[in-house]
N, C-alpha and C. Protein backbone atom coordinates (compact mmCIF):
# COMPACT_ATOMS: atom_id res chain seq x y z
N MET A 1 32.26 18.99 -10.41
CA MET A 1 32.36 18.51 -9.21
C MET A 1 33.03 17.23 -8.89
N PHE A 2 32.90 16.20 -9.86
CA PHE A 2 33.81 15.10 -10.00
C PHE A 2 35.13 15.49 -10.32
N ASP A 3 35.85 17.14 -10.41
CA ASP A 3 37.38 16.75 -10.65
C ASP A 3 37.32 16.53 -12.18
N LEU A 4 36.87 16.45 -13.51
CA LEU A 4 36.93 16.01 -15.08
C LEU A 4 36.15 16.88 -15.83
N GLU A 5 36.59 17.93 -16.95
CA GLU A 5 36.35 17.97 -17.75
C GLU A 5 36.17 17.23 -19.05
N LEU A 6 35.14 17.09 -19.64
CA LEU A 6 34.71 15.92 -20.90
C LEU A 6 34.15 17.14 -22.35
N PRO A 7 34.66 16.80 -22.97
CA PRO A 7 34.16 17.40 -24.39
C PRO A 7 32.90 17.20 -24.51
N THR A 8 32.71 18.41 -24.52
CA THR A 8 31.52 18.95 -25.70
C THR A 8 31.20 19.09 -26.92
N SER A 9 32.32 18.69 -27.79
CA SER A 9 32.30 18.61 -29.07
C SER A 9 33.83 18.02 -30.12
N ARG A 10 34.12 18.16 -31.10
CA ARG A 10 34.75 17.35 -31.77
C ARG A 10 36.11 18.14 -31.58
N GLN A 11 35.90 19.27 -32.10
CA GLN A 11 37.00 20.48 -31.29
C GLN A 11 38.01 20.83 -30.51
N SER A 12 36.97 20.02 -29.07
CA SER A 12 36.94 20.22 -27.77
C SER A 12 38.48 18.32 -27.42
N VAL A 13 38.09 17.48 -28.01
CA VAL A 13 38.89 16.34 -27.93
C VAL A 13 40.36 16.51 -28.41
N GLY A 14 41.37 16.56 -27.56
CA GLY A 14 42.52 16.52 -27.56
C GLY A 14 43.27 16.04 -28.12
N ARG A 15 44.57 14.98 -27.87
CA ARG A 15 45.48 14.00 -28.56
C ARG A 15 46.42 13.59 -27.67
N ASP A 16 46.01 13.45 -26.30
CA ASP A 16 47.16 12.25 -25.48
C ASP A 16 46.07 11.34 -25.08
N PRO A 17 46.80 10.55 -25.13
CA PRO A 17 45.62 8.87 -24.68
C PRO A 17 44.38 8.77 -23.49
N THR A 18 44.37 10.00 -22.54
CA THR A 18 43.45 9.60 -22.08
C THR A 18 42.25 11.03 -22.65
N GLN A 19 42.38 12.24 -23.27
CA GLN A 19 41.78 12.74 -24.66
C GLN A 19 40.82 11.73 -25.60
N TYR A 20 41.48 10.60 -26.06
CA TYR A 20 41.54 9.67 -26.87
C TYR A 20 39.97 8.63 -26.28
N VAL A 21 40.30 8.78 -24.47
CA VAL A 21 38.98 8.40 -24.12
C VAL A 21 38.11 9.20 -24.43
N HIS A 22 38.38 10.38 -24.03
CA HIS A 22 36.99 11.83 -23.62
C HIS A 22 36.43 11.74 -25.25
N GLY A 23 36.83 11.39 -26.60
CA GLY A 23 37.08 11.40 -27.45
C GLY A 23 35.66 10.03 -28.07
N LEU A 24 36.10 8.99 -27.36
CA LEU A 24 35.61 7.92 -27.13
C LEU A 24 34.10 7.84 -26.64
N ILE A 25 34.02 8.95 -25.25
CA ILE A 25 32.92 8.96 -24.83
C ILE A 25 31.70 9.62 -25.08
N LEU A 26 32.59 11.34 -26.36
CA LEU A 26 32.02 11.77 -27.05
C LEU A 26 30.87 10.75 -27.75
N ASN A 27 31.64 10.07 -28.75
CA ASN A 27 31.34 9.05 -29.91
C ASN A 27 30.25 8.07 -29.05
N THR A 28 30.19 7.77 -28.05
CA THR A 28 29.14 7.03 -27.19
C THR A 28 28.21 7.77 -27.09
N ALA A 29 28.07 8.68 -26.70
CA ALA A 29 27.28 9.56 -26.34
C ALA A 29 26.31 10.02 -27.48
N GLU A 30 26.88 10.56 -28.44
CA GLU A 30 26.05 10.77 -30.06
C GLU A 30 25.72 9.58 -30.12
N SER A 31 26.44 8.28 -30.15
CA SER A 31 25.63 6.61 -31.16
C SER A 31 24.67 6.93 -29.64
N LEU A 32 24.35 7.01 -29.05
CA LEU A 32 23.40 7.11 -27.47
C LEU A 32 22.23 8.04 -28.42
N GLN A 33 21.91 8.90 -28.33
CA GLN A 33 21.24 9.87 -29.09
C GLN A 33 20.82 9.26 -30.27
N ARG A 34 21.72 8.67 -31.56
CA ARG A 34 20.86 8.31 -32.34
C ARG A 34 20.40 7.17 -32.62
N THR A 35 20.44 6.32 -31.71
CA THR A 35 19.80 5.14 -31.28
C THR A 35 18.04 5.34 -31.41
N GLY A 36 17.18 5.22 -32.50
CA GLY A 36 16.02 5.16 -32.13
C GLY A 36 15.38 4.05 -33.16
N THR A 37 13.92 4.54 -33.82
CA THR A 37 13.12 3.48 -34.39
C THR A 37 12.39 5.04 -35.08
N PRO A 38 12.03 4.27 -36.25
CA PRO A 38 11.02 4.93 -37.14
C PRO A 38 10.24 6.12 -36.59
N TRP A 39 9.75 5.81 -35.00
CA TRP A 39 8.64 6.03 -34.29
C TRP A 39 8.92 7.15 -34.16
N ASP A 40 10.19 7.15 -33.87
CA ASP A 40 10.55 8.35 -32.72
C ASP A 40 10.65 10.15 -33.50
N GLY A 41 9.52 10.57 -32.48
CA GLY A 41 8.80 12.27 -32.58
C GLY A 41 7.78 11.61 -32.63
N TYR A 42 7.40 10.76 -32.58
CA TYR A 42 5.33 10.61 -33.38
C TYR A 42 4.86 11.31 -31.89
N LEU A 43 4.10 12.21 -31.74
CA LEU A 43 3.43 12.26 -30.51
C LEU A 43 1.77 11.57 -30.68
N VAL A 44 1.04 11.94 -31.60
CA VAL A 44 -0.02 11.45 -32.08
C VAL A 44 0.15 10.79 -33.69
N ALA A 45 -0.06 9.41 -33.76
CA ALA A 45 -0.54 8.61 -35.17
C ALA A 45 -1.68 7.91 -35.42
N GLY A 46 -2.85 8.31 -34.31
CA GLY A 46 -3.67 7.92 -34.83
C GLY A 46 -3.94 7.65 -36.34
N ALA A 47 -4.27 8.44 -37.19
CA ALA A 47 -5.09 8.31 -38.40
C ALA A 47 -3.79 7.97 -39.17
N LEU A 48 -2.64 7.43 -38.92
CA LEU A 48 -1.37 6.60 -39.58
C LEU A 48 -1.53 4.77 -39.37
N LEU A 49 -2.04 4.97 -38.14
CA LEU A 49 -2.24 3.18 -37.77
C LEU A 49 -3.12 3.26 -38.20
N LYS A 50 -4.12 4.17 -38.40
CA LYS A 50 -5.23 3.15 -39.30
C LYS A 50 -5.05 3.13 -40.48
N GLU A 51 -4.31 4.24 -41.35
CA GLU A 51 -4.09 3.98 -42.96
C GLU A 51 -3.27 2.54 -42.75
N LEU A 52 -2.29 2.21 -42.10
CA LEU A 52 -1.54 0.93 -41.81
C LEU A 52 -2.43 0.10 -42.00
N ASP A 53 -3.97 0.07 -41.33
CA ASP A 53 -4.54 -1.21 -40.96
C ASP A 53 -5.53 -1.38 -41.87
N GLN A 54 -5.73 -0.18 -42.86
CA GLN A 54 -6.19 -0.41 -44.17
C GLN A 54 -5.97 -1.26 -45.46
N LEU A 55 -3.89 -0.96 -45.00
CA LEU A 55 -2.99 -1.06 -46.09
C LEU A 55 -3.40 -2.47 -45.74
N GLY A 56 -4.11 -2.94 -44.59
CA GLY A 56 -3.83 -4.42 -44.53
C GLY A 56 -1.98 -5.02 -43.97
N VAL A 57 -1.29 -4.42 -43.18
CA VAL A 57 0.34 -3.95 -42.61
C VAL A 57 0.59 -3.99 -41.38
N GLY A 58 -0.92 -3.39 -41.03
CA GLY A 58 -1.42 -2.77 -39.83
C GLY A 58 -0.69 -4.04 -38.20
N GLU A 59 -0.87 -5.05 -38.47
CA GLU A 59 -0.58 -6.09 -37.61
C GLU A 59 0.80 -6.44 -37.49
N ALA A 60 1.42 -6.50 -38.77
CA ALA A 60 2.73 -7.33 -39.16
C ALA A 60 3.52 -5.61 -38.81
N HIS A 61 3.24 -4.05 -39.03
CA HIS A 61 3.63 -3.23 -38.54
C HIS A 61 3.83 -3.47 -37.01
N GLN A 62 3.25 -3.60 -36.57
CA GLN A 62 3.13 -3.62 -35.05
C GLN A 62 4.19 -4.43 -33.64
N GLU A 63 3.81 -6.13 -34.97
CA GLU A 63 4.82 -6.33 -34.58
C GLU A 63 6.66 -6.27 -35.41
N PHE A 64 6.44 -5.61 -35.82
CA PHE A 64 8.09 -5.13 -36.51
C PHE A 64 8.43 -3.99 -35.20
N VAL A 65 7.50 -3.14 -35.07
CA VAL A 65 7.70 -2.03 -34.41
C VAL A 65 8.17 -2.70 -32.55
N SER A 66 7.36 -3.45 -32.79
CA SER A 66 7.62 -4.22 -31.12
C SER A 66 9.38 -4.94 -30.72
N GLU A 67 9.65 -5.61 -32.08
CA GLU A 67 10.79 -6.37 -32.03
C GLU A 67 11.30 -5.12 -32.05
N MET A 68 12.01 -3.75 -32.89
CA MET A 68 12.93 -3.34 -33.44
C MET A 68 12.63 -1.78 -31.65
N ARG A 69 11.50 -1.86 -30.96
CA ARG A 69 11.77 -0.72 -29.44
C ARG A 69 12.72 -1.90 -28.95
N ALA A 70 12.54 -3.48 -28.94
CA ALA A 70 13.19 -4.06 -27.81
C ALA A 70 14.30 -4.06 -27.96
N ALA A 71 15.42 -3.59 -30.07
CA ALA A 71 16.47 -3.84 -29.71
C ALA A 71 16.85 -2.79 -29.64
N VAL A 72 15.99 -1.89 -29.86
CA VAL A 72 16.25 -0.21 -29.60
C VAL A 72 16.94 -0.04 -28.05
N ASP A 73 15.57 -0.97 -26.91
CA ASP A 73 16.05 -0.45 -25.81
C ASP A 73 17.41 -0.72 -25.33
N ALA A 74 17.63 -2.34 -25.92
CA ALA A 74 18.58 -2.91 -25.42
C ALA A 74 20.26 -1.86 -25.74
N SER A 75 19.66 -1.55 -27.23
CA SER A 75 21.01 -0.82 -27.54
C SER A 75 21.02 0.26 -26.48
N ARG A 76 20.51 0.77 -26.58
CA ARG A 76 20.09 1.79 -25.47
C ARG A 76 21.04 2.10 -24.32
N ALA A 77 20.39 0.31 -23.69
CA ALA A 77 21.16 0.02 -21.82
C ALA A 77 22.59 -0.64 -22.38
N LYS A 78 23.30 -1.11 -23.42
CA LYS A 78 24.57 -1.56 -23.53
C LYS A 78 25.37 0.15 -23.91
N HIS A 79 24.47 1.36 -24.39
CA HIS A 79 25.10 2.16 -24.79
C HIS A 79 25.54 3.29 -23.25
N ARG A 80 24.64 2.96 -22.39
CA ARG A 80 24.66 3.44 -20.46
C ARG A 80 25.67 3.15 -20.44
N ALA A 81 25.72 1.59 -19.96
CA ALA A 81 26.63 0.74 -19.51
C ALA A 81 28.24 1.18 -20.24
N LEU A 82 28.07 1.50 -21.33
CA LEU A 82 29.71 1.42 -21.20
C LEU A 82 29.67 3.32 -21.32
N LEU A 83 28.91 4.17 -21.21
CA LEU A 83 29.37 5.57 -20.85
C LEU A 83 29.79 4.90 -19.22
N ASP A 84 29.06 4.71 -18.42
CA ASP A 84 29.42 4.04 -17.29
C ASP A 84 30.49 3.66 -16.94
N LEU A 85 30.86 2.76 -17.85
CA LEU A 85 31.82 1.97 -17.62
C LEU A 85 33.47 2.72 -17.80
N LEU A 86 33.23 4.01 -18.92
CA LEU A 86 34.41 4.55 -19.25
C LEU A 86 34.45 5.74 -18.39
N LEU A 87 33.55 6.10 -18.03
CA LEU A 87 33.47 7.43 -16.73
C LEU A 87 33.72 6.58 -15.78
N SER A 88 34.09 5.52 -15.01
CA SER A 88 34.34 5.19 -14.01
C SER A 88 35.98 4.85 -14.31
N GLY A 89 36.29 3.90 -15.14
CA GLY A 89 37.15 4.18 -15.44
C GLY A 89 38.60 5.61 -15.38
N LEU A 90 38.21 6.36 -15.98
CA LEU A 90 38.40 7.75 -15.87
C LEU A 90 38.48 8.55 -14.78
N LEU A 91 37.61 7.84 -14.09
CA LEU A 91 37.15 8.41 -12.45
C LEU A 91 37.99 8.06 -11.20
N GLY A 92 38.04 6.90 -11.32
CA GLY A 92 38.72 5.93 -10.41
C GLY A 92 37.43 6.26 -9.42
N ASP A 93 38.72 6.18 -8.29
CA ASP A 93 37.79 6.27 -6.80
C ASP A 93 36.87 7.08 -6.81
N ARG A 94 36.88 8.44 -7.42
CA ARG A 94 35.77 9.37 -7.55
C ARG A 94 34.45 8.46 -8.03
N ALA A 95 34.26 7.80 -8.84
CA ALA A 95 32.82 7.19 -9.39
C ALA A 95 32.03 7.21 -8.16
N ASN A 96 32.63 6.56 -7.19
CA ASN A 96 30.87 6.60 -6.39
C ASN A 96 31.06 7.97 -5.46
N GLN A 97 31.27 8.86 -5.86
CA GLN A 97 31.21 9.64 -5.13
C GLN A 97 29.58 10.42 -5.45
N VAL A 98 29.14 11.09 -4.39
CA VAL A 98 27.30 11.10 -5.05
C VAL A 98 27.27 12.38 -3.92
N PHE A 99 26.16 13.59 -4.66
CA PHE A 99 26.27 14.43 -4.42
C PHE A 99 24.69 14.68 -4.48
N THR A 100 24.17 15.92 -3.18
CA THR A 100 23.03 15.96 -2.91
C THR A 100 22.62 16.99 -4.11
N LEU A 101 21.28 17.36 -4.44
CA LEU A 101 20.52 18.66 -4.71
C LEU A 101 21.14 20.29 -4.13
N GLU A 102 21.36 19.98 -2.49
CA GLU A 102 22.14 21.24 -1.97
C GLU A 102 23.01 21.18 -2.76
N ASP A 103 23.99 20.46 -2.39
CA ASP A 103 25.35 20.10 -2.83
C ASP A 103 25.06 20.69 -4.37
N LEU A 104 24.23 20.56 -4.84
CA LEU A 104 24.81 20.81 -6.94
C LEU A 104 24.14 22.65 -7.06
N GLU A 105 23.21 22.74 -6.28
CA GLU A 105 22.92 24.41 -6.31
C GLU A 105 23.65 24.96 -5.38
N ALA A 106 24.58 24.59 -4.72
CA ALA A 106 26.11 25.88 -3.62
C ALA A 106 27.03 26.02 -5.42
N ALA A 107 27.42 24.56 -5.45
CA ALA A 107 27.97 25.03 -7.00
C ALA A 107 28.18 25.59 -8.09
N GLY A 108 26.18 26.36 -8.59
CA GLY A 108 25.97 27.14 -9.18
C GLY A 108 25.46 26.23 -10.04
N ILE A 109 25.19 24.48 -9.98
CA ILE A 109 24.94 24.02 -11.67
C ILE A 109 22.91 24.11 -11.04
N GLU A 110 22.82 24.03 -12.51
CA GLU A 110 21.28 24.35 -12.97
C GLU A 110 21.02 23.13 -12.81
N ARG A 111 19.54 22.92 -12.08
CA ARG A 111 18.98 21.60 -12.61
C ARG A 111 18.48 21.43 -13.40
N ALA A 112 17.30 20.33 -14.36
CA ALA A 112 16.46 20.47 -15.37
C ALA A 112 15.41 20.47 -14.77
N ILE A 113 14.09 21.05 -15.42
CA ILE A 113 13.08 21.07 -14.73
C ILE A 113 11.55 20.04 -16.06
N PRO A 114 11.59 19.35 -15.60
CA PRO A 114 10.57 18.94 -17.02
C PRO A 114 10.01 19.43 -17.10
N ILE A 115 9.69 19.23 -18.37
CA ILE A 115 8.52 20.69 -19.01
C ILE A 115 6.98 20.43 -18.49
N ARG A 116 6.44 18.78 -17.88
CA ARG A 116 5.07 18.75 -17.59
C ARG A 116 4.91 19.43 -16.49
N TYR A 117 5.97 19.96 -15.37
CA TYR A 117 6.38 20.85 -14.11
C TYR A 117 6.34 21.79 -14.31
N PHE A 118 5.91 22.68 -15.64
CA PHE A 118 6.04 24.40 -16.07
C PHE A 118 4.68 24.65 -15.86
N PRO A 119 4.69 25.71 -15.17
CA PRO A 119 3.34 26.45 -14.53
C PRO A 119 2.96 26.49 -15.75
N ASP A 120 1.45 26.80 -16.00
CA ASP A 120 0.80 26.91 -17.22
C ASP A 120 0.93 28.17 -17.54
């Protein structure tokens, strides 16, 4: 809808100057996805937290995790800002375009539905 194709893999990044920027966008998106903490992926960790308390490192661990989470959140925000900057540069005046859900539907673009809204 923005009249721009972006690479989705290394193989689709070309060798002209604009495509170099496409490669940087791809690298930035991949870097954003890798940014995290050792706790990413845990859904329930009560037993692990109890064990850390029993080892006498629970409180210190919580401080580490809190600091790490703040750093990760800041890094993710910077990644998103860089993506916004790069895409704004590529899109120029088109960067300010806004599309409605109806526009997306008319273009045949499927909307992602959060899992929590799936019927039982």
